[in-house]
Each structure stands twice: as structure tokens, then as C-alpha cells.
Amino acid sequence: PDLVLRSETLKKIVLLELTVPSEHNVSAAHERKTARYLALTRDLAVKGWTVELVPFEVGSIGFLTRSYHAMTRLLGIGSKTLSTSISDTVLRCSYWIFLSRGDQVWTPWAIHL
């Protein structure tokens, strides 16, 4: 997972998994990530943890999916500023990947927001 939130006190783990698929592959990406972490969630549950798997997607041109909005509500971090920043960042990164598609060597690039 991309981020793991753990509470020893509550014996709870939240697994966050971000995927940036093309917009027409959002559902397939969500299902793939859910399936990928199924064994891990079962293993943790057997060990006494309450586990919440939260796969979420942001489309490759910045589309914020239902799963993204559900994740921000779950964590209580939803804001227009955050959503705009994430959408813009994903779009810029996708554009950089597109521009670099013919490069033989990856050149580091800084995003300036």
C-alpha cells in the first residue's frame, strides 16, 4: 500500500492505495488493487486487527473519482484546495510522462505548484 495508518490502541489498520489509471480504466484498476491486497487484509484480520482497505483512483488527466472523494471523507481531509492541487499535480505528471515518451533515459523533473 502507499500509506498505512495504524492504531495500536484501537487495533485498527487503514491501508490506502493510490492508482492513477487512464479514465476509462478506473473500475478495472479499483478491482485489481482490491484483489491485490485481499490476502494481506485477511492475514491482518486473523491476527486480530480491524482492517480497512481503501483503494482510490485519480484519473491520469486529473479526474477525481468517487473512490477519491470517499477516501477524503473517511479521513476528514476533503477540501477544494486539496482536490485542485492533486488533480493539477496528476495532470502535470501525466503531461511530463507524455513529453518524455521517446526519451531513452529518465530525467528528474521538479513540479512547481
C-alpha atoms as a PDB file:
ATOM      1  CA  PRO A   1       0.000   0.000   0.000  1.00  0.00           C
ATOM      2  CA  ASP A   2       1.016   3.618  -0.492  1.00  0.00           C
ATOM      3  CA  LEU A   3       0.089   4.639   3.047  1.00  0.00           C
ATOM      4  CA  VAL A   4      -0.659   2.647   6.199  1.00  0.00           C
ATOM      5  CA  LEU A   5      -2.424   4.228   9.178  1.00  0.00           C
ATOM      6  CA  ARG A   6      -2.222   2.132  12.325  1.00  0.00           C
ATOM      7  CA  SER A   7      -3.709   2.499  15.774  1.00  0.00           C
ATOM      8  CA  GLU A   8      -2.328   0.136  18.394  1.00  0.00           C
ATOM      9  CA  THR A   9      -4.971   1.344  20.842  1.00  0.00           C
ATOM     10  CA  LEU A  10      -7.905   0.609  18.523  1.00  0.00           C
ATOM     11  CA  LYS A  11      -6.120  -2.354  16.918  1.00  0.00           C
ATOM     12  CA  LYS A  12      -7.120  -0.876  13.554  1.00  0.00           C
ATOM     13  CA  ILE A  13      -5.241  -0.506  10.278  1.00  0.00           C
ATOM     14  CA  VAL A  14      -6.254   1.568   7.269  1.00  0.00           C
ATOM     15  CA  LEU A  15      -4.470   0.692   4.024  1.00  0.00           C
ATOM     16  CA  LEU A  16      -4.526   3.452   1.388  1.00  0.00           C
ATOM     17  CA  GLU A  17      -3.630   2.547  -2.190  1.00  0.00           C
ATOM     18  CA  LEU A  18      -3.476   5.202  -4.912  1.00  0.00           C
ATOM     19  CA  THR A  19      -3.685   4.295  -8.580  1.00  0.00           C
ATOM     20  CA  VAL A  20      -3.512   6.727 -11.498  1.00  0.00           C
ATOM     21  CA  PRO A  21      -5.154   4.894 -14.415  1.00  0.00           C
ATOM     22  CA  SER A  22      -6.484   6.304 -17.645  1.00  0.00           C
ATOM     23  CA  GLU A  23     -10.053   7.477 -17.121  1.00  0.00           C
ATOM     24  CA  HIS A  24     -11.594   4.541 -18.990  1.00  0.00           C
ATOM     25  CA  ASN A  25      -9.749   2.028 -16.755  1.00  0.00           C
ATOM     26  CA  VAL A  26     -10.781   3.359 -13.336  1.00  0.00           C
ATOM     27  CA  SER A  27     -13.135   0.478 -12.454  1.00  0.00           C
ATOM     28  CA  ALA A  28     -10.674  -2.195 -13.549  1.00  0.00           C
ATOM     29  CA  ALA A  29      -7.863  -0.512 -11.590  1.00  0.00           C
ATOM     30  CA  HIS A  30     -10.029  -0.379  -8.459  1.00  0.00           C
ATOM     31  CA  GLU A  31     -10.898  -4.075  -8.740  1.00  0.00           C
ATOM     32  CA  ARG A  32      -7.256  -5.022  -9.414  1.00  0.00           C
ATOM     33  CA  LYS A  33      -5.991  -3.152  -6.325  1.00  0.00           C
ATOM     34  CA  THR A  34      -8.743  -4.594  -4.140  1.00  0.00           C
ATOM     35  CA  ALA A  35      -7.819  -8.106  -5.251  1.00  0.00           C
ATOM     36  CA  ARG A  36      -4.085  -7.452  -4.793  1.00  0.00           C
ATOM     37  CA  TYR A  37      -4.448  -6.666  -1.079  1.00  0.00           C
ATOM     38  CA  LEU A  38      -7.144  -9.192  -0.187  1.00  0.00           C
ATOM     39  CA  ALA A  39      -4.671 -11.726   1.263  1.00  0.00           C
ATOM     40  CA  LEU A  40      -2.953  -9.034   3.337  1.00  0.00           C
ATOM     41  CA  THR A  41      -6.248  -7.834   4.808  1.00  0.00           C
ATOM     42  CA  ARG A  42      -7.193 -11.410   5.680  1.00  0.00           C
ATOM     43  CA  ASP A  43      -3.812 -12.079   7.307  1.00  0.00           C
ATOM     44  CA  LEU A  44      -4.091  -8.938   9.430  1.00  0.00           C
ATOM     45  CA  ALA A  45      -7.669  -9.766  10.431  1.00  0.00           C
ATOM     46  CA  VAL A  46      -6.592 -13.247  11.556  1.00  0.00           C
ATOM     47  CA  LYS A  47      -4.009 -11.546  13.795  1.00  0.00           C
ATOM     48  CA  GLY A  48      -6.755  -9.538  15.487  1.00  0.00           C
ATOM     49  CA  TRP A  49      -6.632  -6.271  13.526  1.00  0.00           C
ATOM     50  CA  THR A  50      -9.633  -4.464  12.126  1.00  0.00           C
ATOM     51  CA  VAL A  51      -8.555  -3.674   8.577  1.00  0.00           C
ATOM     52  CA  GLU A  52      -9.965  -1.158   6.143  1.00  0.00           C
ATOM     53  CA  LEU A  53      -8.617  -1.304   2.600  1.00  0.00           C
ATOM     54  CA  VAL A  54      -9.109   1.988   0.769  1.00  0.00           C
ATOM     55  CA  PRO A  55      -8.065   1.781  -2.867  1.00  0.00           C
ATOM     56  CA  PHE A  56      -8.676   5.098  -4.606  1.00  0.00           C
ATOM     57  CA  GLU A  57      -8.004   6.438  -8.050  1.00  0.00           C
ATOM     58  CA  VAL A  58      -7.212   9.749  -9.663  1.00  0.00           C
ATOM     59  CA  GLY A  59      -7.519   9.590 -13.436  1.00  0.00           C
ATOM     60  CA  SER A  60      -4.389  10.255 -15.467  1.00  0.00           C
ATOM     61  CA  ILE A  61      -5.751  13.596 -16.679  1.00  0.00           C
ATOM     62  CA  GLY A  62      -6.729  14.662 -13.161  1.00  0.00           C
ATOM     63  CA  PHE A  63     -10.287  13.312 -12.850  1.00  0.00           C
ATOM     64  CA  LEU A  64     -11.134  12.806  -9.170  1.00  0.00           C
ATOM     65  CA  THR A  65     -13.108   9.586  -8.819  1.00  0.00           C
ATOM     66  CA  ARG A  66     -15.816   8.563  -6.362  1.00  0.00           C
ATOM     67  CA  SER A  67     -13.260   6.473  -4.509  1.00  0.00           C
ATOM     68  CA  TYR A  68     -11.017   9.540  -4.110  1.00  0.00           C
ATOM     69  CA  HIS A  69     -13.885  11.544  -2.600  1.00  0.00           C
ATOM     70  CA  ALA A  70     -14.853   8.620  -0.335  1.00  0.00           C
ATOM     71  CA  MET A  71     -11.228   8.431   0.898  1.00  0.00           C
ATOM     72  CA  THR A  72     -11.095  12.153   1.713  1.00  0.00           C
ATOM     73  CA  ARG A  73     -14.420  11.907   3.598  1.00  0.00           C
ATOM     74  CA  LEU A  74     -13.183   8.853   5.516  1.00  0.00           C
ATOM     75  CA  LEU A  75     -10.037  10.691   6.605  1.00  0.00           C
ATOM     76  CA  GLY A  76     -11.783  14.042   7.109  1.00  0.00           C
ATOM     77  CA  ILE A  77      -9.386  15.831   4.773  1.00  0.00           C
ATOM     78  CA  GLY A  78     -11.656  16.874   1.930  1.00  0.00           C
ATOM     79  CA  SER A  79     -11.164  20.394   0.650  1.00  0.00           C
ATOM     80  CA  LYS A  80     -11.407  22.115  -2.696  1.00  0.00           C
ATOM     81  CA  THR A  81      -7.798  23.299  -2.366  1.00  0.00           C
ATOM     82  CA  LEU A  82      -6.501  19.754  -1.781  1.00  0.00           C
ATOM     83  CA  SER A  83      -8.587  18.314  -4.604  1.00  0.00           C
ATOM     84  CA  THR A  84      -7.479  21.012  -7.048  1.00  0.00           C
ATOM     85  CA  SER A  85      -3.837  20.537  -6.078  1.00  0.00           C
ATOM     86  CA  ILE A  86      -3.983  16.753  -6.505  1.00  0.00           C
ATOM     87  CA  SER A  87      -5.816  16.976  -9.809  1.00  0.00           C
ATOM     88  CA  ASP A  88      -3.341  19.563 -11.126  1.00  0.00           C
ATOM     89  CA  THR A  89      -0.323  17.553  -9.957  1.00  0.00           C
ATOM     90  CA  VAL A  90      -1.549  14.361 -11.635  1.00  0.00           C
ATOM     91  CA  LEU A  91      -2.226  16.237 -14.869  1.00  0.00           C
ATOM     92  CA  ARG A  92       1.252  17.813 -14.823  1.00  0.00           C
ATOM     93  CA  CYS A  93       2.910  14.458 -14.153  1.00  0.00           C
ATOM     94  CA  SER A  94       0.953  12.765 -16.945  1.00  0.00           C
ATOM     95  CA  TYR A  95       1.960  15.565 -19.301  1.00  0.00           C
ATOM     96  CA  TRP A  96       5.631  15.131 -18.322  1.00  0.00           C
ATOM     97  CA  ILE A  97       5.400  11.390 -18.951  1.00  0.00           C
ATOM     98  CA  PHE A  98       3.857  12.118 -22.347  1.00  0.00           C
ATOM     99  CA  LEU A  99       6.620  14.595 -23.222  1.00  0.00           C
ATOM    100  CA  SER A 100       9.249  12.040 -22.139  1.00  0.00           C
ATOM    101  CA  ARG A 101       7.741   9.114 -24.010  1.00  0.00           C
ATOM    102  CA  GLY A 102      10.608   8.922 -26.515  1.00  0.00           C
ATOM    103  CA  ASP A 103      13.448   9.515 -24.070  1.00  0.00           C
ATOM    104  CA  GLN A 104      15.874   6.653 -23.540  1.00  0.00           C
ATOM    105  CA  VAL A 105      16.865   7.961 -20.080  1.00  0.00           C
ATOM    106  CA  TRP A 106      14.570   9.351 -17.384  1.00  0.00           C
ATOM    107  CA  THR A 107      15.365  12.945 -16.480  1.00  0.00           C
ATOM    108  CA  PRO A 108      14.273  14.093 -12.992  1.00  0.00           C
ATOM    109  CA  TRP A 109      11.768  16.919 -13.036  1.00  0.00           C
ATOM    110  CA  ALA A 110      10.502  19.158 -10.245  1.00  0.00           C
ATOM    111  CA  ILE A 111       6.867  20.186 -10.042  1.00  0.00           C
ATOM    112  CA  HIS A 112       6.341  23.787  -9.058  1.00  0.00           C
ATOM    113  CA  LEU A 113       2.817  24.468  -7.842  1.00  0.00           C
END
